[in-house]
């Protein structure tokens, strides 16, 4: 007799629990238990030994189901969740497909443009952009040396593919995240609603982002991995935009009010410029998180250095995995140093 049989009898639920179990085939654990019992009637008729009090199992669904067949099992719950998602999938696709199609176009266009540009044009362009943003010769030397090294070991094309994805996804994160952060800073209600969503996005394991997206979009569509990267990487820029604007000195806001500035003029002329160091710090973290997710997104056809890492894992090619991983670290370092140098310039100008 299962340990919770007496509980259901005491509550008068024996008739309800006597409903025949038609929940589908047995689980693997049930099959193994049946095999260990020999499958004979003697084993079935044998009394169940009493369970010691200290070994009482937690009343989970599967445990209660053994005493009451009317209680669903855990796999019944997971099946219901899956069926519910599949039922709304078509409706979600009708809404999401046109909204996300520009992301696919931009990812494909950026990938083609980055790859079509010869290395002797792309590397100088990256050098000019780095020096314009950082005004640092050391950062410029790091970027130049890194790309020349990756080109020398034939990892340049993969690095450029990764860079193109980060470029597009970071733009989307900034375009979407900064307005959301501004709205949060203007409304405490909006902040209370948004923070739990951001917490969820920030704590979900990276692979979980891919599960519903695989069912909604084709693996051949660029927006599949683009949406996963944006959802994962957008959180820092939203949080730090909200924080930066809330940290603007109240005396400065009062002075702006005294000069007769309206809300838009205060936002664009006072609050955003003063919050720019925080916003830039959020962009820096967004770039880092985009790079981390690009590697995971290689599981769903995202190009770049993550493909080589995946190849090293699948084929047990230690050298391929380590070298491509080192190139990812190198790309992360140069992006981090470049954005931090730009942030340092902004902080210096503010002072």
C-alpha atoms as a PDB file:
ATOM      1  CA  UNK A   1       0.000   0.000   0.000  1.00  0.00           C
ATOM      2  CA  UNK A   2       1.394   3.398  -0.991  1.00  0.00           C
ATOM      3  CA  UNK A   3       2.143   5.734   1.870  1.00  0.00           C
ATOM      4  CA  UNK A   4      -0.581   8.264   1.013  1.00  0.00           C
ATOM      5  CA  UNK A   5      -3.397   5.699   0.584  1.00  0.00           C
ATOM      6  CA  UNK A   6      -4.567   6.238   4.140  1.00  0.00           C
ATOM      7  CA  UNK A   7      -4.702   9.998   3.646  1.00  0.00           C
ATOM      8  CA  UNK A   8      -7.062   9.720   0.685  1.00  0.00           C
ATOM      9  CA  UNK A   9      -9.240   7.215   2.580  1.00  0.00           C
ATOM     10  CA  UNK A  10      -9.432   9.557   5.558  1.00  0.00           C
ATOM     11  CA  UNK A  11     -10.505  12.417   3.292  1.00  0.00           C
ATOM     12  CA  UNK A  12     -13.209  10.208   1.730  1.00  0.00           C
ATOM     13  CA  UNK A  13     -11.669  10.350  -1.733  1.00  0.00           C
ATOM     14  CA  UNK A  14     -11.306   6.609  -2.281  1.00  0.00           C
ATOM     15  CA  UNK A  15     -14.049   6.459  -4.919  1.00  0.00           C
ATOM     16  CA  UNK A  16     -12.602   9.440  -6.799  1.00  0.00           C
ATOM     17  CA  UNK A  17      -9.137   7.939  -6.646  1.00  0.00           C
ATOM     18  CA  UNK A  18     -10.407   4.577  -7.886  1.00  0.00           C
ATOM     19  CA  UNK A  19     -10.767   6.024 -11.388  1.00  0.00           C
ATOM     20  CA  UNK A  20      -8.905   3.877 -13.842  1.00  0.00           C
ATOM     21  CA  UNK A  21      -5.601   5.384 -14.948  1.00  0.00           C
ATOM     22  CA  UNK A  22      -5.683   6.040 -18.698  1.00  0.00           C
ATOM     23  CA  UNK A  23      -2.809   8.469 -18.726  1.00  0.00           C
ATOM     24  CA  UNK A  24      -0.903   6.755 -21.510  1.00  0.00           C
ATOM     25  CA  UNK A  25       2.051   4.414 -21.570  1.00  0.00           C
ATOM     26  CA  UNK A  26       4.144   3.726 -18.503  1.00  0.00           C
ATOM     27  CA  UNK A  27       7.225   5.783 -17.837  1.00  0.00           C
ATOM     28  CA  UNK A  28      10.682   4.260 -18.053  1.00  0.00           C
ATOM     29  CA  UNK A  29      10.870   4.179 -14.243  1.00  0.00           C
ATOM     30  CA  UNK A  30       7.589   2.259 -14.097  1.00  0.00           C
ATOM     31  CA  UNK A  31       8.753  -0.201 -16.745  1.00  0.00           C
ATOM     32  CA  UNK A  32      11.998  -0.816 -14.853  1.00  0.00           C
ATOM     33  CA  UNK A  33      10.109  -1.311 -11.593  1.00  0.00           C
ATOM     34  CA  UNK A  34       7.802  -3.796 -13.287  1.00  0.00           C
ATOM     35  CA  UNK A  35      10.771  -5.641 -14.771  1.00  0.00           C
ATOM     36  CA  UNK A  36      12.506  -5.812 -11.381  1.00  0.00           C
ATOM     37  CA  UNK A  37       9.355  -7.303  -9.844  1.00  0.00           C
ATOM     38  CA  UNK A  38       9.440 -10.047 -12.446  1.00  0.00           C
ATOM     39  CA  UNK A  39       6.110  -9.068 -13.918  1.00  0.00           C
ATOM     40  CA  UNK A  40       4.369 -11.978 -12.138  1.00  0.00           C
ATOM     41  CA  UNK A  41       1.087 -11.954 -10.335  1.00  0.00           C
ATOM     42  CA  UNK A  42       2.802 -13.010  -7.163  1.00  0.00           C
ATOM     43  CA  UNK A  43       4.824  -9.813  -7.192  1.00  0.00           C
ATOM     44  CA  UNK A  44       1.699  -7.800  -7.884  1.00  0.00           C
ATOM     45  CA  UNK A  45      -0.197  -9.455  -5.032  1.00  0.00           C
ATOM     46  CA  UNK A  46       2.634  -9.086  -2.558  1.00  0.00           C
ATOM     47  CA  UNK A  47       1.959  -6.431   0.106  1.00  0.00           C
ATOM     48  CA  UNK A  48       3.899  -3.216  -0.166  1.00  0.00           C
ATOM     49  CA  UNK A  49       6.303  -2.879   2.765  1.00  0.00           C
ATOM     50  CA  UNK A  50       5.616  -0.008   5.142  1.00  0.00           C
ATOM     51  CA  UNK A  51       7.672   3.099   4.504  1.00  0.00           C
ATOM     52  CA  UNK A  52       9.666   4.404   7.490  1.00  0.00           C
ATOM     53  CA  UNK A  53       8.528   7.829   8.691  1.00  0.00           C
ATOM     54  CA  UNK A  54      11.911   9.441   7.996  1.00  0.00           C
ATOM     55  CA  UNK A  55      11.788   8.176   4.404  1.00  0.00           C
ATOM     56  CA  UNK A  56       8.377   9.648   3.653  1.00  0.00           C
ATOM     57  CA  UNK A  57       8.535  11.044   0.115  1.00  0.00           C
ATOM     58  CA  UNK A  58       7.416  14.565  -0.709  1.00  0.00           C
ATOM     59  CA  UNK A  59       3.788  14.587  -1.938  1.00  0.00           C
ATOM     60  CA  UNK A  60       4.695  15.394  -5.530  1.00  0.00           C
ATOM     61  CA  UNK A  61       2.364  14.682  -8.435  1.00  0.00           C
ATOM     62  CA  UNK A  62       4.026  11.389  -9.300  1.00  0.00           C
ATOM     63  CA  UNK A  63       4.033  10.260  -5.658  1.00  0.00           C
ATOM     64  CA  UNK A  64       0.349  11.122  -5.123  1.00  0.00           C
ATOM     65  CA  UNK A  65      -0.564   9.523  -8.439  1.00  0.00           C
ATOM     66  CA  UNK A  66       0.603   6.148  -7.118  1.00  0.00           C
ATOM     67  CA  UNK A  67      -2.053   6.379  -4.395  1.00  0.00           C
ATOM     68  CA  UNK A  68      -4.698   8.202  -6.421  1.00  0.00           C
ATOM     69  CA  UNK A  69      -4.971   7.515 -10.131  1.00  0.00           C
ATOM     70  CA  UNK A  70      -7.123  10.616 -10.671  1.00  0.00           C
ATOM     71  CA  UNK A  71      -4.246  12.928  -9.813  1.00  0.00           C
ATOM     72  CA  UNK A  72      -2.250  13.790 -12.947  1.00  0.00           C
ATOM     73  CA  UNK A  73       1.433  12.967 -13.229  1.00  0.00           C
ATOM     74  CA  UNK A  74       4.224  15.440 -13.859  1.00  0.00           C
ATOM     75  CA  UNK A  75       4.449  14.369 -17.485  1.00  0.00           C
ATOM     76  CA  UNK A  76       0.730  15.137 -17.864  1.00  0.00           C
ATOM     77  CA  UNK A  77       1.451  18.692 -16.743  1.00  0.00           C
ATOM     78  CA  UNK A  78       4.400  19.087 -19.132  1.00  0.00           C
ATOM     79  CA  UNK A  79       2.310  17.649 -21.970  1.00  0.00           C
ATOM     80  CA  UNK A  80      -0.435  20.172 -21.215  1.00  0.00           C
ATOM     81  CA  UNK A  81       2.111  23.027 -21.342  1.00  0.00           C
ATOM     82  CA  UNK A  82       3.411  21.765 -24.674  1.00  0.00           C
ATOM     83  CA  UNK A  83      -0.068  21.396 -26.142  1.00  0.00           C
ATOM     84  CA  UNK A  84      -1.010  24.873 -24.926  1.00  0.00           C
ATOM     85  CA  UNK A  85       2.034  26.395 -26.615  1.00  0.00           C
ATOM     86  CA  UNK A  86       1.413  24.506 -29.850  1.00  0.00           C
ATOM     87  CA  UNK A  87      -2.216  25.670 -29.850  1.00  0.00           C
ATOM     88  CA  UNK A  88      -1.222  29.351 -29.779  1.00  0.00           C
ATOM     89  CA  UNK A  89       1.862  28.920 -31.990  1.00  0.00           C
ATOM     90  CA  UNK A  90       0.113  29.662 -35.283  1.00  0.00           C
ATOM     91  CA  UNK A  91      -1.518  32.802 -33.916  1.00  0.00           C
ATOM     92  CA  UNK A  92       1.809  34.008 -32.518  1.00  0.00           C
ATOM     93  CA  UNK A  93       3.523  33.409 -35.856  1.00  0.00           C
ATOM     94  CA  UNK A  94       0.946  35.545 -37.651  1.00  0.00           C
ATOM     95  CA  UNK A  95       1.780  38.456 -35.330  1.00  0.00           C
ATOM     96  CA  UNK A  96       5.516  37.906 -34.859  1.00  0.00           C
ATOM     97  CA  UNK A  97       6.568  37.089 -38.418  1.00  0.00           C
ATOM     98  CA  UNK A  98       5.976  40.572 -39.911  1.00  0.00           C
ATOM     99  CA  UNK A  99       7.327  42.286 -36.777  1.00  0.00           C
ATOM    100  CA  UNK A 100      10.576  40.330 -36.764  1.00  0.00           C
ATOM    101  CA  UNK A 101      11.187  40.102 -40.500  1.00  0.00           C
ATOM    102  CA  UNK A 102      13.234  43.373 -40.583  1.00  0.00           C
ATOM    103  CA  UNK A 103      15.633  41.731 -38.122  1.00  0.00           C
ATOM    104  CA  UNK A 104      16.212  38.880 -40.567  1.00  0.00           C
ATOM    105  CA  UNK A 105      16.793  41.306 -43.427  1.00  0.00           C
ATOM    106  CA  UNK A 106      19.289  43.376 -41.434  1.00  0.00           C
ATOM    107  CA  UNK A 107      21.176  40.324 -40.176  1.00  0.00           C
ATOM    108  CA  UNK A 108      21.442  38.883 -43.676  1.00  0.00           C
ATOM    109  CA  UNK A 109      22.412  42.228 -45.204  1.00  0.00           C
ATOM    110  CA  UNK A 110      25.014  42.935 -42.530  1.00  0.00           C
ATOM    111  CA  UNK A 111      26.522  39.457 -42.888  1.00  0.00           C
ATOM    112  CA  UNK A 112      26.752  39.852 -46.665  1.00  0.00           C
ATOM    113  CA  UNK A 113      28.214  43.362 -46.431  1.00  0.00           C
ATOM    114  CA  UNK A 114      30.857  42.427 -43.846  1.00  0.00           C
ATOM    115  CA  UNK A 115      31.922  39.349 -45.794  1.00  0.00           C
ATOM    116  CA  UNK A 116      31.912  41.112 -49.169  1.00  0.00           C
ATOM    117  CA  UNK A 117      34.236  43.859 -47.927  1.00  0.00           C
ATOM    118  CA  UNK A 118      37.878  42.844 -48.550  1.00  0.00           C
ATOM    119  CA  UNK A 119      40.101  42.488 -45.525  1.00  0.00           C
ATOM    120  CA  UNK A 120      42.387  45.329 -46.680  1.00  0.00           C
ATOM    121  CA  UNK A 121      39.365  47.660 -46.504  1.00  0.00           C
ATOM    122  CA  UNK A 122      37.571  46.216 -43.468  1.00  0.00           C
ATOM    123  CA  UNK A 123      40.547  46.192 -41.102  1.00  0.00           C
ATOM    124  CA  UNK A 124      41.478  49.867 -41.794  1.00  0.00           C
ATOM    125  CA  UNK A 125      37.805  50.821 -41.349  1.00  0.00           C
ATOM    126  CA  UNK A 126      37.751  49.068 -37.981  1.00  0.00           C
ATOM    127  CA  UNK A 127      40.970  50.854 -37.047  1.00  0.00           C
ATOM    128  CA  UNK A 128      39.512  54.258 -37.956  1.00  0.00           C
ATOM    129  CA  UNK A 129      36.305  53.524 -36.037  1.00  0.00           C
ATOM    130  CA  UNK A 130      38.291  52.377 -33.006  1.00  0.00           C
ATOM    131  CA  UNK A 131      40.486  55.458 -32.939  1.00  0.00           C
ATOM    132  CA  UNK A 132      37.510  57.779 -33.481  1.00  0.00           C
ATOM    133  CA  UNK A 133      35.666  56.200 -30.538  1.00  0.00           C
ATOM    134  CA  UNK A 134      38.565  55.749 -28.131  1.00  0.00           C
ATOM    135  CA  UNK A 135      41.333  58.195 -29.149  1.00  0.00           C
ATOM    136  CA  UNK A 136      43.667  55.583 -27.670  1.00  0.00           C
ATOM    137  CA  UNK A 137      46.737  54.295 -29.488  1.00  0.00           C
ATOM    138  CA  UNK A 138      46.969  51.247 -27.218  1.00  0.00           C
ATOM    139  CA  UNK A 139      43.385  50.215 -27.982  1.00  0.00           C
ATOM    140  CA  UNK A 140      44.024  50.823 -31.667  1.00  0.00           C
ATOM    141  CA  UNK A 141      47.100  48.583 -31.523  1.00  0.00           C
ATOM    142  CA  UNK A 142      45.080  45.878 -29.728  1.00  0.00           C
ATOM    143  CA  UNK A 143      42.318  45.914 -32.349  1.00  0.00           C
ATOM    144  CA  UNK A 144      44.765  45.935 -35.263  1.00  0.00           C
ATOM    145  CA  UNK A 145      46.925  43.168 -33.832  1.00  0.00           C
ATOM    146  CA  UNK A 146      43.927  41.020 -32.941  1.00  0.00           C
ATOM    147  CA  UNK A 147      42.370  41.107 -36.393  1.00  0.00           C
ATOM    148  CA  UNK A 148      45.709  40.570 -38.115  1.00  0.00           C
ATOM    149  CA  UNK A 149      46.336  37.564 -35.852  1.00  0.00           C
ATOM    150  CA  UNK A 150      42.894  36.081 -36.580  1.00  0.00           C
ATOM    151  CA  UNK A 151      43.427  36.652 -40.307  1.00  0.00           C
ATOM    152  CA  UNK A 152      46.844  34.979 -40.089  1.00  0.00           C
ATOM    153  CA  UNK A 153      45.347  31.790 -38.599  1.00  0.00           C
ATOM    154  CA  UNK A 154      42.371  31.822 -41.063  1.00  0.00           C
ATOM    155  CA  UNK A 155      39.785  32.774 -38.455  1.00  0.00           C
ATOM    156  CA  UNK A 156      39.146  36.252 -39.876  1.00  0.00           C
ATOM    157  CA  UNK A 157      35.978  35.322 -41.806  1.00  0.00           C
ATOM    158  CA  UNK A 158      34.434  33.662 -38.754  1.00  0.00           C
ATOM    159  CA  UNK A 159      35.340  36.661 -36.583  1.00  0.00           C
ATOM    160  CA  UNK A 160      33.769  39.046 -39.096  1.00  0.00           C
ATOM    161  CA  UNK A 161      30.582  36.982 -39.155  1.00  0.00           C
ATOM    162  CA  UNK A 162      30.395  37.147 -35.369  1.00  0.00           C
ATOM    163  CA  UNK A 163      31.097  40.887 -35.435  1.00  0.00           C
ATOM    164  CA  UNK A 164      28.311  41.503 -37.969  1.00  0.00           C
ATOM    165  CA  UNK A 165      25.766  39.704 -35.778  1.00  0.00           C
ATOM    166  CA  UNK A 166      26.867  41.647 -32.695  1.00  0.00           C
ATOM    167  CA  UNK A 167      26.681  44.897 -34.690  1.00  0.00           C
ATOM    168  CA  UNK A 168      23.037  44.370 -35.720  1.00  0.00           C
ATOM    169  CA  UNK A 169      21.840  42.931 -32.404  1.00  0.00           C
ATOM    170  CA  UNK A 170      23.502  45.717 -30.407  1.00  0.00           C
ATOM    171  CA  UNK A 171      21.785  48.332 -32.570  1.00  0.00           C
ATOM    172  CA  UNK A 172      18.418  46.668 -31.945  1.00  0.00           C
ATOM    173  CA  UNK A 173      19.136  46.444 -28.204  1.00  0.00           C
ATOM    174  CA  UNK A 174      19.978  50.156 -28.038  1.00  0.00           C
ATOM    175  CA  UNK A 175      17.022  51.241 -30.202  1.00  0.00           C
ATOM    176  CA  UNK A 176      14.594  49.200 -28.117  1.00  0.00           C
ATOM    177  CA  UNK A 177      16.311  49.295 -24.720  1.00  0.00           C
ATOM    178  CA  UNK A 178      17.028  53.010 -24.291  1.00  0.00           C
ATOM    179  CA  UNK A 179      13.367  54.097 -24.809  1.00  0.00           C
ATOM    180  CA  UNK A 180      12.207  51.361 -22.428  1.00  0.00           C
ATOM    181  CA  UNK A 181      14.742  52.528 -19.844  1.00  0.00           C
ATOM    182  CA  UNK A 182      13.592  56.131 -20.269  1.00  0.00           C
ATOM    183  CA  UNK A 183       9.953  55.091 -19.820  1.00  0.00           C
ATOM    184  CA  UNK A 184      10.911  53.181 -16.656  1.00  0.00           C
ATOM    185  CA  UNK A 185      12.700  56.238 -15.256  1.00  0.00           C
ATOM    186  CA  UNK A 186       9.605  58.379 -15.816  1.00  0.00           C
ATOM    187  CA  UNK A 187       7.097  56.000 -14.240  1.00  0.00           C
ATOM    188  CA  UNK A 188       7.446  53.999 -11.025  1.00  0.00           C
ATOM    189  CA  UNK A 189       4.541  51.815 -12.158  1.00  0.00           C
ATOM    190  CA  UNK A 190       6.320  51.025 -15.402  1.00  0.00           C
ATOM    191  CA  UNK A 191       9.451  50.174 -13.435  1.00  0.00           C
ATOM    192  CA  UNK A 192       7.571  47.809 -11.100  1.00  0.00           C
ATOM    193  CA  UNK A 193       6.044  46.029 -14.106  1.00  0.00           C
ATOM    194  CA  UNK A 194       9.259  45.801 -16.114  1.00  0.00           C
ATOM    195  CA  UNK A 195      11.762  44.744 -13.433  1.00  0.00           C
ATOM    196  CA  UNK A 196      10.286  41.213 -12.937  1.00  0.00           C
ATOM    197  CA  UNK A 197      10.425  40.687 -16.707  1.00  0.00           C
ATOM    198  CA  UNK A 198      14.050  41.827 -16.809  1.00  0.00           C
ATOM    199  CA  UNK A 199      14.876  39.572 -13.858  1.00  0.00           C
ATOM    200  CA  UNK A 200      13.377  36.625 -15.710  1.00  0.00           C
ATOM    201  CA  UNK A 201      15.290  37.417 -18.919  1.00  0.00           C
ATOM    202  CA  UNK A 202      18.523  37.817 -16.973  1.00  0.00           C
ATOM    203  CA  UNK A 203      18.226  34.561 -15.001  1.00  0.00           C
ATOM    204  CA  UNK A 204      16.838  32.186 -17.636  1.00  0.00           C
ATOM    205  CA  UNK A 205      19.491  29.736 -18.864  1.00  0.00           C
ATOM    206  CA  UNK A 206      20.693  30.669 -22.330  1.00  0.00           C
ATOM    207  CA  UNK A 207      19.458  27.433 -23.896  1.00  0.00           C
ATOM    208  CA  UNK A 208      15.907  28.118 -22.661  1.00  0.00           C
ATOM    209  CA  UNK A 209      15.661  31.147 -24.976  1.00  0.00           C
ATOM    210  CA  UNK A 210      16.048  28.850 -27.957  1.00  0.00           C
ATOM    211  CA  UNK A 211      13.327  26.299 -27.080  1.00  0.00           C
ATOM    212  CA  UNK A 212      10.158  28.322 -27.937  1.00  0.00           C
ATOM    213  CA  UNK A 213      11.893  30.130 -30.811  1.00  0.00           C
ATOM    214  CA  UNK A 214      12.713  26.843 -32.548  1.00  0.00           C
ATOM    215  CA  UNK A 215       8.993  26.045 -32.662  1.00  0.00           C
ATOM    216  CA  UNK A 216       8.038  29.549 -33.842  1.00  0.00           C
ATOM    217  CA  UNK A 217      10.623  30.123 -36.576  1.00  0.00           C
ATOM    218  CA  UNK A 218      12.509  28.046 -39.079  1.00  0.00           C
ATOM    219  CA  UNK A 219      16.111  27.192 -38.242  1.00  0.00           C
ATOM    220  CA  UNK A 220      17.106  28.683 -41.602  1.00  0.00           C
ATOM    221  CA  UNK A 221      15.789  32.136 -40.601  1.00  0.00           C
ATOM    222  CA  UNK A 222      18.309  34.585 -39.182  1.00  0.00           C
ATOM    223  CA  UNK A 223      15.764  36.093 -36.816  1.00  0.00           C
ATOM    224  CA  UNK A 224      15.696  32.837 -34.825  1.00  0.00           C
ATOM    225  CA  UNK A 225      19.109  33.465 -33.308  1.00  0.00           C
ATOM    226  CA  UNK A 226      18.741  37.259 -33.590  1.00  0.00           C
ATOM    227  CA  UNK A 227      15.723  37.324 -31.266  1.00  0.00           C
ATOM    228  CA  UNK A 228      17.468  35.015 -28.780  1.00  0.00           C
ATOM    229  CA  UNK A 229      20.516  37.298 -28.687  1.00  0.00           C
ATOM    230  CA  UNK A 230      18.430  40.460 -28.286  1.00  0.00           C
ATOM    231  CA  UNK A 231      16.287  39.019 -25.485  1.00  0.00           C
ATOM    232  CA  UNK A 232      19.383  37.898 -23.619  1.00  0.00           C
ATOM    233  CA  UNK A 233      21.478  41.036 -24.155  1.00  0.00           C
ATOM    234  CA  UNK A 234      18.942  43.865 -23.901  1.00  0.00           C
ATOM    235  CA  UNK A 235      18.637  43.791 -20.098  1.00  0.00           C
ATOM    236  CA  UNK A 236      21.774  45.807 -19.127  1.00  0.00           C
ATOM    237  CA  UNK A 237      21.057  48.748 -21.414  1.00  0.00           C
ATOM    238  CA  UNK A 238      17.488  48.999 -20.075  1.00  0.00           C
ATOM    239  CA  UNK A 239      18.534  48.824 -16.430  1.00  0.00           C
ATOM    240  CA  UNK A 240      21.424  51.283 -16.716  1.00  0.00           C
ATOM    241  CA  UNK A 241      19.426  53.769 -18.805  1.00  0.00           C
ATOM    242  CA  UNK A 242      16.754  53.780 -16.112  1.00  0.00           C
ATOM    243  CA  UNK A 243      19.391  54.117 -13.378  1.00  0.00           C
ATOM    244  CA  UNK A 244      21.322  56.852 -15.165  1.00  0.00           C
ATOM    245  CA  UNK A 245      18.305  59.086 -15.689  1.00  0.00           C
ATOM    246  CA  UNK A 246      17.073  58.553 -12.129  1.00  0.00           C
ATOM    247  CA  UNK A 247      20.518  59.558 -10.814  1.00  0.00           C
ATOM    248  CA  UNK A 248      20.461  62.958 -12.530  1.00  0.00           C
ATOM    249  CA  UNK A 249      20.757  65.624  -9.835  1.00  0.00           C
ATOM    250  CA  UNK A 250      17.373  67.051  -8.825  1.00  0.00           C
ATOM    251  CA  UNK A 251      18.897  70.532  -8.609  1.00  0.00           C
ATOM    252  CA  UNK A 252      19.797  70.329 -12.293  1.00  0.00           C
ATOM    253  CA  UNK A 253      16.212  69.350 -13.132  1.00  0.00           C
ATOM    254  CA  UNK A 254      14.914  72.274 -11.062  1.00  0.00           C
ATOM    255  CA  UNK A 255      17.263  74.613 -12.908  1.00  0.00           C
ATOM    256  CA  UNK A 256      15.948  73.295 -16.229  1.00  0.00           C
ATOM    257  CA  UNK A 257      12.399  73.900 -15.015  1.00  0.00           C
ATOM    258  CA  UNK A 258      13.361  77.433 -14.027  1.00  0.00           C
ATOM    259  CA  UNK A 259      14.576  78.066 -17.595  1.00  0.00           C
ATOM    260  CA  UNK A 260      11.171  76.979 -18.881  1.00  0.00           C
ATOM    261  CA  UNK A 261      12.255  73.720 -20.554  1.00  0.00           C
ATOM    262  CA  UNK A 262       9.516  71.297 -21.470  1.00  0.00           C
ATOM    263  CA  UNK A 263       9.778  67.542 -20.807  1.00  0.00           C
ATOM    264  CA  UNK A 264      11.344  66.744 -24.202  1.00  0.00           C
ATOM    265  CA  UNK A 265      13.933  69.515 -23.879  1.00  0.00           C
ATOM    266  CA  UNK A 266      14.869  68.352 -20.367  1.00  0.00           C
ATOM    267  CA  UNK A 267      15.208  64.770 -21.563  1.00  0.00           C
ATOM    268  CA  UNK A 268      17.344  65.455 -24.636  1.00  0.00           C
ATOM    269  CA  UNK A 269      19.264  68.465 -23.338  1.00  0.00           C
ATOM    270  CA  UNK A 270      19.856  67.563 -19.697  1.00  0.00           C
ATOM    271  CA  UNK A 271      18.966  64.056 -18.593  1.00  0.00           C
ATOM    272  CA  UNK A 272      20.320  61.926 -21.469  1.00  0.00           C
ATOM    273  CA  UNK A 273      23.662  63.822 -21.688  1.00  0.00           C
ATOM    274  CA  UNK A 274      24.183  63.471 -17.929  1.00  0.00           C
ATOM    275  CA  UNK A 275      23.089  59.825 -17.987  1.00  0.00           C
ATOM    276  CA  UNK A 276      25.273  59.006 -20.994  1.00  0.00           C
ATOM    277  CA  UNK A 277      28.083  57.360 -18.954  1.00  0.00           C
ATOM    278  CA  UNK A 278      25.567  54.919 -17.469  1.00  0.00           C
ATOM    279  CA  UNK A 279      23.966  54.303 -20.853  1.00  0.00           C
ATOM    280  CA  UNK A 280      27.376  53.627 -22.401  1.00  0.00           C
ATOM    281  CA  UNK A 281      28.173  51.199 -19.583  1.00  0.00           C
ATOM    282  CA  UNK A 282      24.912  49.408 -20.382  1.00  0.00           C
ATOM    283  CA  UNK A 283      25.853  49.239 -24.069  1.00  0.00           C
ATOM    284  CA  UNK A 284      29.220  47.779 -23.103  1.00  0.00           C
ATOM    285  CA  UNK A 285      27.550  45.005 -21.115  1.00  0.00           C
ATOM    286  CA  UNK A 286      25.035  44.428 -23.908  1.00  0.00           C
ATOM    287  CA  UNK A 287      27.871  43.885 -26.391  1.00  0.00           C
ATOM    288  CA  UNK A 288      29.519  41.387 -24.047  1.00  0.00           C
ATOM    289  CA  UNK A 289      26.288  39.469 -23.522  1.00  0.00           C
ATOM    290  CA  UNK A 290      25.574  39.483 -27.273  1.00  0.00           C
ATOM    291  CA  UNK A 291      28.955  37.893 -27.872  1.00  0.00           C
ATOM    292  CA  UNK A 292      28.267  35.229 -25.247  1.00  0.00           C
ATOM    293  CA  UNK A 293      24.896  34.377 -26.793  1.00  0.00           C
ATOM    294  CA  UNK A 294      26.292  34.269 -30.348  1.00  0.00           C
ATOM    295  CA  UNK A 295      28.261  31.173 -29.368  1.00  0.00           C
ATOM    296  CA  UNK A 296      25.163  29.451 -27.946  1.00  0.00           C
ATOM    297  CA  UNK A 297      23.138  30.529 -30.997  1.00  0.00           C
ATOM    298  CA  UNK A 298      25.493  28.541 -33.241  1.00  0.00           C
ATOM    299  CA  UNK A 299      23.352  25.559 -32.214  1.00  0.00           C
ATOM    300  CA  UNK A 300      20.568  27.049 -34.338  1.00  0.00           C
ATOM    301  CA  UNK A 301      22.601  27.951 -37.432  1.00  0.00           C
ATOM    302  CA  UNK A 302      24.145  31.235 -36.276  1.00  0.00           C
ATOM    303  CA  UNK A 303      27.416  31.703 -38.217  1.00  0.00           C
ATOM    304  CA  UNK A 304      30.711  32.841 -36.771  1.00  0.00           C
ATOM    305  CA  UNK A 305      33.255  31.596 -34.265  1.00  0.00           C
ATOM    306  CA  UNK A 306      30.614  29.646 -32.377  1.00  0.00           C
ATOM    307  CA  UNK A 307      30.422  27.230 -35.322  1.00  0.00           C
ATOM    308  CA  UNK A 308      34.065  26.308 -34.777  1.00  0.00           C
ATOM    309  CA  UNK A 309      33.507  25.840 -31.041  1.00  0.00           C
ATOM    310  CA  UNK A 310      30.551  23.561 -31.799  1.00  0.00           C
ATOM    311  CA  UNK A 311      32.644  21.662 -34.323  1.00  0.00           C
ATOM    312  CA  UNK A 312      35.371  21.139 -31.749  1.00  0.00           C
ATOM    313  CA  UNK A 313      32.813  19.747 -29.285  1.00  0.00           C
ATOM    314  CA  UNK A 314      31.021  17.493 -31.774  1.00  0.00           C
ATOM    315  CA  UNK A 315      34.158  16.078 -33.384  1.00  0.00           C
ATOM    316  CA  UNK A 316      36.333  16.124 -30.237  1.00  0.00           C
ATOM    317  CA  UNK A 317      38.815  18.392 -32.023  1.00  0.00           C
ATOM    318  CA  UNK A 318      40.592  19.903 -29.059  1.00  0.00           C
ATOM    319  CA  UNK A 319      42.773  22.286 -31.073  1.00  0.00           C
ATOM    320  CA  UNK A 320      39.871  23.682 -33.083  1.00  0.00           C
ATOM    321  CA  UNK A 321      37.826  24.294 -29.937  1.00  0.00           C
ATOM    322  CA  UNK A 322      40.642  25.928 -27.981  1.00  0.00           C
ATOM    323  CA  UNK A 323      41.841  28.192 -30.812  1.00  0.00           C
ATOM    324  CA  UNK A 324      38.332  29.343 -31.720  1.00  0.00           C
ATOM    325  CA  UNK A 325      37.586  29.878 -28.020  1.00  0.00           C
ATOM    326  CA  UNK A 326      40.725  32.007 -27.715  1.00  0.00           C
ATOM    327  CA  UNK A 327      39.564  34.072 -30.719  1.00  0.00           C
ATOM    328  CA  UNK A 328      36.223  34.648 -29.007  1.00  0.00           C
ATOM    329  CA  UNK A 329      38.034  35.824 -25.889  1.00  0.00           C
ATOM    330  CA  UNK A 330      40.209  38.084 -28.042  1.00  0.00           C
ATOM    331  CA  UNK A 331      37.144  39.548 -29.746  1.00  0.00           C
ATOM    332  CA  UNK A 332      35.487  40.107 -26.372  1.00  0.00           C
ATOM    333  CA  UNK A 333      38.581  41.852 -24.990  1.00  0.00           C
ATOM    334  CA  UNK A 334      38.959  44.230 -27.908  1.00  0.00           C
ATOM    335  CA  UNK A 335      35.253  45.101 -27.902  1.00  0.00           C
ATOM    336  CA  UNK A 336      35.352  45.643 -24.137  1.00  0.00           C
ATOM    337  CA  UNK A 337      38.489  47.812 -24.279  1.00  0.00           C
ATOM    338  CA  UNK A 338      37.137  49.873 -27.171  1.00  0.00           C
ATOM    339  CA  UNK A 339      33.794  50.618 -25.516  1.00  0.00           C
ATOM    340  CA  UNK A 340      35.416  51.313 -22.143  1.00  0.00           C
ATOM    341  CA  UNK A 341      37.861  53.722 -23.779  1.00  0.00           C
ATOM    342  CA  UNK A 342      34.921  55.500 -25.399  1.00  0.00           C
ATOM    343  CA  UNK A 343      33.170  55.557 -22.013  1.00  0.00           C
ATOM    344  CA  UNK A 344      36.303  57.041 -20.433  1.00  0.00           C
ATOM    345  CA  UNK A 345      36.276  59.847 -22.995  1.00  0.00           C
ATOM    346  CA  UNK A 346      32.635  60.576 -22.197  1.00  0.00           C
ATOM    347  CA  UNK A 347      33.323  60.641 -18.456  1.00  0.00           C
ATOM    348  CA  UNK A 348      36.299  62.973 -18.994  1.00  0.00           C
ATOM    349  CA  UNK A 349      34.203  65.342 -21.079  1.00  0.00           C
ATOM    350  CA  UNK A 350      31.490  65.349 -18.419  1.00  0.00           C
ATOM    351  CA  UNK A 351      34.011  66.367 -15.775  1.00  0.00           C
END
